[in-house]
Amino acid sequence: MTTLSRPLRLLLLGAPGSGKGTQTSKLLDKFSHINPLSSGDLLRTQIAAQTPIGREASSYITNGTLVPDMTMINLLAGELDSRGWLSPNASWLLDGFPRTAAQAHGLDTQLAANACALNLVVELDVNEDVILERIENRWIHLPSGRIYNLQYNPPRQPFTDDLTGEPLSKRDDDNAEVFKKRLVAYNEQLLPLKEFYDKQGVLTKVSGDTSDIIFPKLAKLISSQYA
């Protein structure tokens, strides 16, 4: 495991199906002292614990509306603070947030006030045809969120979760026609988000069509600057 010589505060950008989760797992295995923070996991934990912010978020979700940006920003900043990571000396990796320029601006205001703004934002650049092929072959264990791919990460038993033996499911939006619409929406949001971080001088891109191609480039980038 590689030890970082200076703090890394990282955000991975990438289209749905680009492999952000896979790259995150690989980074945590390779580099010590990187603390992962998933906005989705955090939100689910808060809702399950019925905290004030969890109840607030749950009310929006129940009504079929998005959780407001400031609610999510306060949730993330509060969690970073409670873990002692809202500090210029901590290293962490954000997963799932921010997704828009407005979210990025709001989060940056809170982070910068504590001298711990993001110092590396990496876009995972994967060919759209490759992403669509991945989606067609993706199956999920709904209770845990574990994801399998019939091409490169198949379950040991067909369509069965490795740990529980329970059946895998196909999400309604895991087909090329629906997913193309998600990619269009993502790309519309991505450009202003990239422009925000590019102006800060922290944006870079890593390209490749497989995890095994992307990860060595990503690891080399981080090692050259932070290890």
C-alpha atoms as a PDB file:
ATOM      1  CA  MET A   1       0.000   0.000   0.000  1.00  0.00           C
ATOM      2  CA  THR A   2       1.314   3.441  -0.957  1.00  0.00           C
ATOM      3  CA  THR A   3       1.420   6.195   1.649  1.00  0.00           C
ATOM      4  CA  LEU A   4       0.501   9.706   0.607  1.00  0.00           C
ATOM      5  CA  SER A   5       3.039  12.389   1.366  1.00  0.00           C
ATOM      6  CA  ARG A   6       0.491  15.216   1.296  1.00  0.00           C
ATOM      7  CA  PRO A   7      -3.288  15.395   1.687  1.00  0.00           C
ATOM      8  CA  LEU A   8      -5.461  14.362  -1.247  1.00  0.00           C
ATOM      9  CA  ARG A   9      -9.055  15.546  -1.512  1.00  0.00           C
ATOM     10  CA  LEU A  10     -10.416  13.801  -4.572  1.00  0.00           C
ATOM     11  CA  LEU A  11     -13.605  13.767  -6.616  1.00  0.00           C
ATOM     12  CA  LEU A  12     -14.123  11.260  -9.433  1.00  0.00           C
ATOM     13  CA  LEU A  13     -16.396  12.353 -12.257  1.00  0.00           C
ATOM     14  CA  GLY A  14     -17.788   9.910 -14.767  1.00  0.00           C
ATOM     15  CA  ALA A  15     -20.932   8.938 -16.562  1.00  0.00           C
ATOM     16  CA  PRO A  16     -23.180   6.275 -15.047  1.00  0.00           C
ATOM     17  CA  GLY A  17     -21.518   2.976 -15.861  1.00  0.00           C
ATOM     18  CA  SER A  18     -18.048   4.487 -16.262  1.00  0.00           C
ATOM     19  CA  GLY A  19     -16.670   2.505 -13.322  1.00  0.00           C
ATOM     20  CA  LYS A  20     -16.352   5.087 -10.549  1.00  0.00           C
ATOM     21  CA  GLY A  21     -17.141   2.483  -7.897  1.00  0.00           C
ATOM     22  CA  THR A  22     -14.520   0.082  -9.233  1.00  0.00           C
ATOM     23  CA  GLN A  23     -11.861   2.792  -9.368  1.00  0.00           C
ATOM     24  CA  THR A  24     -12.735   3.929  -5.847  1.00  0.00           C
ATOM     25  CA  SER A  25     -12.250   0.399  -4.481  1.00  0.00           C
ATOM     26  CA  LYS A  26      -8.910   0.053  -6.245  1.00  0.00           C
ATOM     27  CA  LEU A  27      -7.707   3.428  -4.956  1.00  0.00           C
ATOM     28  CA  LEU A  28      -8.598   2.533  -1.371  1.00  0.00           C
ATOM     29  CA  ASP A  29      -6.655  -0.720  -1.718  1.00  0.00           C
ATOM     30  CA  LYS A  30      -3.566   1.012  -3.098  1.00  0.00           C
ATOM     31  CA  PHE A  31      -3.306   4.259  -1.150  1.00  0.00           C
ATOM     32  CA  SER A  32      -3.356   4.493   2.617  1.00  0.00           C
ATOM     33  CA  HIS A  33      -5.064   7.288   4.515  1.00  0.00           C
ATOM     34  CA  ILE A  34      -7.733   7.993   1.876  1.00  0.00           C
ATOM     35  CA  ASN A  35     -11.127   8.120   3.571  1.00  0.00           C
ATOM     36  CA  PRO A  36     -14.139   7.386   1.323  1.00  0.00           C
ATOM     37  CA  LEU A  37     -17.370   9.300   1.754  1.00  0.00           C
ATOM     38  CA  SER A  38     -20.394   8.245  -0.285  1.00  0.00           C
ATOM     39  CA  SER A  39     -23.259  10.724  -0.361  1.00  0.00           C
ATOM     40  CA  GLY A  40     -25.737   7.928  -1.137  1.00  0.00           C
ATOM     41  CA  ASP A  41     -24.588   5.729   1.753  1.00  0.00           C
ATOM     42  CA  LEU A  42     -24.550   8.712   4.092  1.00  0.00           C
ATOM     43  CA  LEU A  43     -28.060   9.733   3.112  1.00  0.00           C
ATOM     44  CA  ARG A  44     -29.404   6.198   3.602  1.00  0.00           C
ATOM     45  CA  THR A  45     -27.740   5.986   7.030  1.00  0.00           C
ATOM     46  CA  GLN A  46     -29.227   9.298   8.145  1.00  0.00           C
ATOM     47  CA  ILE A  47     -32.699   8.291   6.950  1.00  0.00           C
ATOM     48  CA  ALA A  48     -32.503   4.906   8.674  1.00  0.00           C
ATOM     49  CA  ALA A  49     -31.369   6.545  11.931  1.00  0.00           C
ATOM     50  CA  GLN A  50     -34.168   9.139  11.619  1.00  0.00           C
ATOM     51  CA  THR A  51     -31.828  12.019  12.371  1.00  0.00           C
ATOM     52  CA  PRO A  52     -33.213  15.539  11.787  1.00  0.00           C
ATOM     53  CA  ILE A  53     -31.488  15.803   8.439  1.00  0.00           C
ATOM     54  CA  GLY A  54     -32.511  12.234   7.619  1.00  0.00           C
ATOM     55  CA  ARG A  55     -36.166  13.022   8.294  1.00  0.00           C
ATOM     56  CA  GLU A  56     -35.890  16.153   6.168  1.00  0.00           C
ATOM     57  CA  ALA A  57     -34.351  14.207   3.276  1.00  0.00           C
ATOM     58  CA  SER A  58     -36.916  11.429   3.630  1.00  0.00           C
ATOM     59  CA  SER A  59     -39.786  13.898   3.289  1.00  0.00           C
ATOM     60  CA  TYR A  60     -38.444  15.073  -0.075  1.00  0.00           C
ATOM     61  CA  ILE A  61     -37.851  11.542  -1.319  1.00  0.00           C
ATOM     62  CA  THR A  62     -41.316  10.425  -0.213  1.00  0.00           C
ATOM     63  CA  ASN A  63     -42.817  13.284  -2.200  1.00  0.00           C
ATOM     64  CA  GLY A  64     -40.796  12.297  -5.256  1.00  0.00           C
ATOM     65  CA  THR A  65     -38.598  15.400  -5.256  1.00  0.00           C
ATOM     66  CA  LEU A  66     -34.834  15.802  -5.124  1.00  0.00           C
ATOM     67  CA  VAL A  67     -33.137  16.509  -1.817  1.00  0.00           C
ATOM     68  CA  PRO A  68     -32.179  20.224  -1.965  1.00  0.00           C
ATOM     69  CA  ASP A  69     -28.558  21.042  -2.703  1.00  0.00           C
ATOM     70  CA  MET A  70     -27.963  22.834   0.591  1.00  0.00           C
ATOM     71  CA  THR A  71     -29.359  19.902   2.565  1.00  0.00           C
ATOM     72  CA  MET A  72     -26.848  17.604   0.866  1.00  0.00           C
ATOM     73  CA  ILE A  73     -24.006  20.108   1.253  1.00  0.00           C
ATOM     74  CA  ASN A  74     -24.711  20.533   4.967  1.00  0.00           C
ATOM     75  CA  LEU A  75     -24.959  16.759   5.329  1.00  0.00           C
ATOM     76  CA  LEU A  76     -21.572  16.168   3.698  1.00  0.00           C
ATOM     77  CA  ALA A  77     -19.807  19.025   5.438  1.00  0.00           C
ATOM     78  CA  GLY A  78     -21.264  17.967   8.772  1.00  0.00           C
ATOM     79  CA  GLU A  79     -20.108  14.392   8.268  1.00  0.00           C
ATOM     80  CA  LEU A  80     -16.607  15.504   7.275  1.00  0.00           C
ATOM     81  CA  ASP A  81     -16.495  17.668  10.399  1.00  0.00           C
ATOM     82  CA  SER A  82     -17.767  14.927  12.718  1.00  0.00           C
ATOM     83  CA  ARG A  83     -15.103  12.536  11.442  1.00  0.00           C
ATOM     84  CA  GLY A  84     -12.352  15.126  11.813  1.00  0.00           C
ATOM     85  CA  TRP A  85     -11.852  15.330   8.048  1.00  0.00           C
ATOM     86  CA  LEU A  86     -12.915  18.949   7.575  1.00  0.00           C
ATOM     87  CA  SER A  87      -9.254  19.795   7.865  1.00  0.00           C
ATOM     88  CA  PRO A  88      -6.383  20.669   5.509  1.00  0.00           C
ATOM     89  CA  ASN A  89      -4.510  17.620   6.804  1.00  0.00           C
ATOM     90  CA  ALA A  90      -7.103  14.953   5.960  1.00  0.00           C
ATOM     91  CA  SER A  91      -7.307  12.902   2.758  1.00  0.00           C
ATOM     92  CA  TRP A  92     -10.669  11.814   1.424  1.00  0.00           C
ATOM     93  CA  LEU A  93     -12.563  10.804  -1.679  1.00  0.00           C
ATOM     94  CA  LEU A  94     -16.096  11.971  -2.444  1.00  0.00           C
ATOM     95  CA  ASP A  95     -18.493   9.599  -4.177  1.00  0.00           C
ATOM     96  CA  GLY A  96     -21.740  10.770  -5.754  1.00  0.00           C
ATOM     97  CA  PHE A  97     -21.652  14.474  -4.939  1.00  0.00           C
ATOM     98  CA  PRO A  98     -21.401  17.151  -6.245  1.00  0.00           C
ATOM     99  CA  ARG A  99     -23.054  16.440  -9.599  1.00  0.00           C
ATOM    100  CA  THR A 100     -23.849  19.976 -10.770  1.00  0.00           C
ATOM    101  CA  ALA A 101     -21.977  23.274 -10.871  1.00  0.00           C
ATOM    102  CA  ALA A 102     -24.377  24.764  -8.313  1.00  0.00           C
ATOM    103  CA  GLN A 103     -23.679  21.906  -5.911  1.00  0.00           C
ATOM    104  CA  ALA A 104     -19.944  22.250  -6.511  1.00  0.00           C
ATOM    105  CA  HIS A 105     -20.013  25.972  -5.788  1.00  0.00           C
ATOM    106  CA  GLY A 106     -21.974  25.531  -2.563  1.00  0.00           C
ATOM    107  CA  LEU A 107     -19.754  22.713  -1.330  1.00  0.00           C
ATOM    108  CA  ASP A 108     -16.593  24.588  -2.267  1.00  0.00           C
ATOM    109  CA  THR A 109     -17.674  27.546  -0.147  1.00  0.00           C
ATOM    110  CA  GLN A 110     -17.843  25.362   2.961  1.00  0.00           C
ATOM    111  CA  LEU A 111     -14.660  23.439   2.186  1.00  0.00           C
ATOM    112  CA  ALA A 112     -12.629  26.543   1.365  1.00  0.00           C
ATOM    113  CA  ALA A 113     -13.690  28.140   4.637  1.00  0.00           C
ATOM    114  CA  ASN A 114     -11.856  25.278   6.352  1.00  0.00           C
ATOM    115  CA  ALA A 115      -8.852  25.353   3.980  1.00  0.00           C
ATOM    116  CA  CYS A 116      -9.735  21.919   2.597  1.00  0.00           C
ATOM    117  CA  ALA A 117     -11.121  22.494  -0.883  1.00  0.00           C
ATOM    118  CA  LEU A 118     -10.890  19.656  -3.399  1.00  0.00           C
ATOM    119  CA  ASN A 119      -7.394  19.529  -4.849  1.00  0.00           C
ATOM    120  CA  LEU A 120      -7.921  16.882  -7.543  1.00  0.00           C
ATOM    121  CA  VAL A 121     -10.956  16.235  -9.752  1.00  0.00           C
ATOM    122  CA  VAL A 122     -10.592  13.407 -12.268  1.00  0.00           C
ATOM    123  CA  GLU A 123     -12.966  12.719 -15.115  1.00  0.00           C
ATOM    124  CA  LEU A 124     -13.133   9.042 -16.097  1.00  0.00           C
ATOM    125  CA  ASP A 125     -13.445   9.210 -19.871  1.00  0.00           C
ATOM    126  CA  VAL A 126     -14.985   5.979 -21.203  1.00  0.00           C
ATOM    127  CA  ASN A 127     -16.382   5.452 -24.706  1.00  0.00           C
ATOM    128  CA  GLU A 128     -20.180   5.656 -24.659  1.00  0.00           C
ATOM    129  CA  ASP A 129     -20.584   2.433 -26.658  1.00  0.00           C
ATOM    130  CA  VAL A 130     -18.527   0.616 -24.017  1.00  0.00           C
ATOM    131  CA  ILE A 131     -20.716   2.019 -21.242  1.00  0.00           C
ATOM    132  CA  LEU A 132     -23.902   0.899 -22.996  1.00  0.00           C
ATOM    133  CA  GLU A 133     -22.487  -2.606 -23.438  1.00  0.00           C
ATOM    134  CA  ARG A 134     -21.619  -2.729 -19.736  1.00  0.00           C
ATOM    135  CA  ILE A 135     -25.139  -1.677 -18.803  1.00  0.00           C
ATOM    136  CA  GLU A 136     -26.732  -4.377 -20.929  1.00  0.00           C
ATOM    137  CA  ASN A 137     -24.666  -6.941 -18.997  1.00  0.00           C
ATOM    138  CA  ARG A 138     -25.122  -5.438 -15.516  1.00  0.00           C
ATOM    139  CA  TRP A 139     -27.080  -7.224 -12.777  1.00  0.00           C
ATOM    140  CA  ILE A 140     -27.485  -6.155  -9.172  1.00  0.00           C
ATOM    141  CA  HIS A 141     -28.164  -7.638  -5.740  1.00  0.00           C
ATOM    142  CA  LEU A 142     -30.769  -5.137  -4.626  1.00  0.00           C
ATOM    143  CA  PRO A 143     -30.547  -5.570  -0.806  1.00  0.00           C
ATOM    144  CA  SER A 144     -26.789  -4.878  -0.717  1.00  0.00           C
ATOM    145  CA  GLY A 145     -26.220  -2.906  -3.899  1.00  0.00           C
ATOM    146  CA  ARG A 146     -23.541  -5.349  -5.084  1.00  0.00           C
ATOM    147  CA  ILE A 147     -23.102  -5.089  -8.838  1.00  0.00           C
ATOM    148  CA  TYR A 148     -22.109  -7.852 -11.234  1.00  0.00           C
ATOM    149  CA  ASN A 149     -21.286  -7.780 -14.925  1.00  0.00           C
ATOM    150  CA  LEU A 150     -21.750 -10.906 -17.006  1.00  0.00           C
ATOM    151  CA  GLN A 151     -18.684 -10.059 -19.107  1.00  0.00           C
ATOM    152  CA  TYR A 152     -15.940  -9.148 -16.636  1.00  0.00           C
ATOM    153  CA  ASN A 153     -17.325  -9.606 -13.105  1.00  0.00           C
ATOM    154  CA  PRO A 154     -19.841 -12.468 -13.297  1.00  0.00           C
ATOM    155  CA  PRO A 155     -21.339 -14.129 -10.214  1.00  0.00           C
ATOM    156  CA  ARG A 156     -19.951 -17.563  -9.375  1.00  0.00           C
ATOM    157  CA  GLN A 157     -23.410 -19.030  -9.945  1.00  0.00           C
ATOM    158  CA  PRO A 158     -25.418 -17.524 -12.813  1.00  0.00           C
ATOM    159  CA  PHE A 159     -27.683 -14.646 -11.716  1.00  0.00           C
ATOM    160  CA  THR A 160     -27.040 -15.383  -8.023  1.00  0.00           C
ATOM    161  CA  ASP A 161     -25.362 -13.186  -5.409  1.00  0.00           C
ATOM    162  CA  ASP A 162     -22.014 -14.640  -4.323  1.00  0.00           C
ATOM    163  CA  LEU A 163     -22.466 -13.885  -0.610  1.00  0.00           C
ATOM    164  CA  THR A 164     -26.126 -14.591   0.062  1.00  0.00           C
ATOM    165  CA  GLY A 165     -27.181 -16.925  -2.756  1.00  0.00           C
ATOM    166  CA  GLU A 166     -30.139 -14.645  -3.389  1.00  0.00           C
ATOM    167  CA  PRO A 167     -31.271 -13.888  -6.954  1.00  0.00           C
ATOM    168  CA  LEU A 168     -29.875 -10.922  -8.841  1.00  0.00           C
ATOM    169  CA  SER A 169     -32.128  -8.361 -10.469  1.00  0.00           C
ATOM    170  CA  LYS A 170     -32.074  -6.264 -13.605  1.00  0.00           C
ATOM    171  CA  ARG A 171     -32.874  -2.610 -12.984  1.00  0.00           C
ATOM    172  CA  ASP A 172     -35.564  -1.127 -15.204  1.00  0.00           C
ATOM    173  CA  ASP A 173     -33.164   1.517 -16.521  1.00  0.00           C
ATOM    174  CA  ASP A 174     -30.340  -0.938 -17.267  1.00  0.00           C
ATOM    175  CA  ASN A 175     -30.998  -1.080 -20.988  1.00  0.00           C
ATOM    176  CA  ALA A 176     -29.393   0.848 -23.835  1.00  0.00           C
ATOM    177  CA  GLU A 177     -32.455   2.860 -24.845  1.00  0.00           C
ATOM    178  CA  VAL A 178     -33.174   4.223 -21.363  1.00  0.00           C
ATOM    179  CA  PHE A 179     -29.518   4.619 -20.484  1.00  0.00           C
ATOM    180  CA  LYS A 180     -28.791   6.763 -23.542  1.00  0.00           C
ATOM    181  CA  LYS A 181     -31.205   9.323 -22.111  1.00  0.00           C
ATOM    182  CA  ARG A 182     -29.357   9.252 -18.793  1.00  0.00           C
ATOM    183  CA  LEU A 183     -26.066   9.830 -20.598  1.00  0.00           C
ATOM    184  CA  VAL A 184     -27.495  12.833 -22.441  1.00  0.00           C
ATOM    185  CA  ALA A 185     -28.693  14.338 -19.148  1.00  0.00           C
ATOM    186  CA  TYR A 186     -25.351  13.597 -17.504  1.00  0.00           C
ATOM    187  CA  ASN A 187     -23.357  15.262 -20.271  1.00  0.00           C
ATOM    188  CA  GLU A 188     -25.543  18.368 -20.060  1.00  0.00           C
ATOM    189  CA  GLN A 189     -24.747  18.654 -16.345  1.00  0.00           C
ATOM    190  CA  LEU A 190     -21.090  17.724 -16.741  1.00  0.00           C
ATOM    191  CA  LEU A 191     -19.861  20.613 -18.873  1.00  0.00           C
ATOM    192  CA  PRO A 192     -20.539  23.441 -16.358  1.00  0.00           C
ATOM    193  CA  LEU A 193     -19.288  21.213 -13.526  1.00  0.00           C
ATOM    194  CA  LYS A 194     -16.022  20.614 -15.400  1.00  0.00           C
ATOM    195  CA  GLU A 195     -15.717  24.318 -16.176  1.00  0.00           C
ATOM    196  CA  PHE A 196     -16.053  25.118 -12.457  1.00  0.00           C
ATOM    197  CA  TYR A 197     -13.202  22.829 -11.455  1.00  0.00           C
ATOM    198  CA  ASP A 198     -11.107  23.674 -14.513  1.00  0.00           C
ATOM    199  CA  LYS A 199     -11.106  27.329 -13.460  1.00  0.00           C
ATOM    200  CA  GLN A 200      -9.751  26.177 -10.102  1.00  0.00           C
ATOM    201  CA  GLY A 201      -6.938  24.304 -11.827  1.00  0.00           C
ATOM    202  CA  VAL A 202      -7.772  20.919 -10.289  1.00  0.00           C
ATOM    203  CA  LEU A 203      -9.459  19.136 -13.206  1.00  0.00           C
ATOM    204  CA  THR A 204      -7.840  16.382 -15.262  1.00  0.00           C
ATOM    205  CA  LYS A 205      -9.003  13.484 -17.429  1.00  0.00           C
ATOM    206  CA  VAL A 206      -8.091   9.795 -17.537  1.00  0.00           C
ATOM    207  CA  SER A 207      -9.246   7.869 -20.599  1.00  0.00           C
ATOM    208  CA  GLY A 208      -9.726   4.164 -21.252  1.00  0.00           C
ATOM    209  CA  ASP A 209     -12.349   1.570 -22.030  1.00  0.00           C
ATOM    210  CA  THR A 210     -11.610  -0.879 -19.211  1.00  0.00           C
ATOM    211  CA  SER A 211     -10.818  -0.642 -15.522  1.00  0.00           C
ATOM    212  CA  ASP A 212      -7.441  -2.295 -16.123  1.00  0.00           C
ATOM    213  CA  ILE A 213      -6.511   0.481 -18.562  1.00  0.00           C
ATOM    214  CA  ILE A 214      -7.801   3.371 -16.487  1.00  0.00           C
ATOM    215  CA  PHE A 215      -6.537   2.407 -13.044  1.00  0.00           C
ATOM    216  CA  PRO A 216      -2.775   2.392 -13.779  1.00  0.00           C
ATOM    217  CA  LYS A 217      -3.133   5.871 -15.300  1.00  0.00           C
ATOM    218  CA  LEU A 218      -5.147   7.083 -12.315  1.00  0.00           C
ATOM    219  CA  ALA A 219      -2.721   5.581  -9.805  1.00  0.00           C
ATOM    220  CA  LYS A 220       0.260   7.086 -11.638  1.00  0.00           C
ATOM    221  CA  LEU A 221      -1.385  10.501 -11.631  1.00  0.00           C
ATOM    222  CA  ILE A 222      -1.992  10.395  -7.886  1.00  0.00           C
ATOM    223  CA  SER A 223       1.441   8.939  -7.096  1.00  0.00           C
ATOM    224  CA  SER A 224       3.214  11.622  -9.115  1.00  0.00           C
ATOM    225  CA  GLN A 225       1.538  14.437  -7.206  1.00  0.00           C
ATOM    226  CA  TYR A 226       0.663  13.140  -3.756  1.00  0.00           C
ATOM    227  CA  ALA A 227       2.805  10.099  -2.886  1.00  0.00           C
END
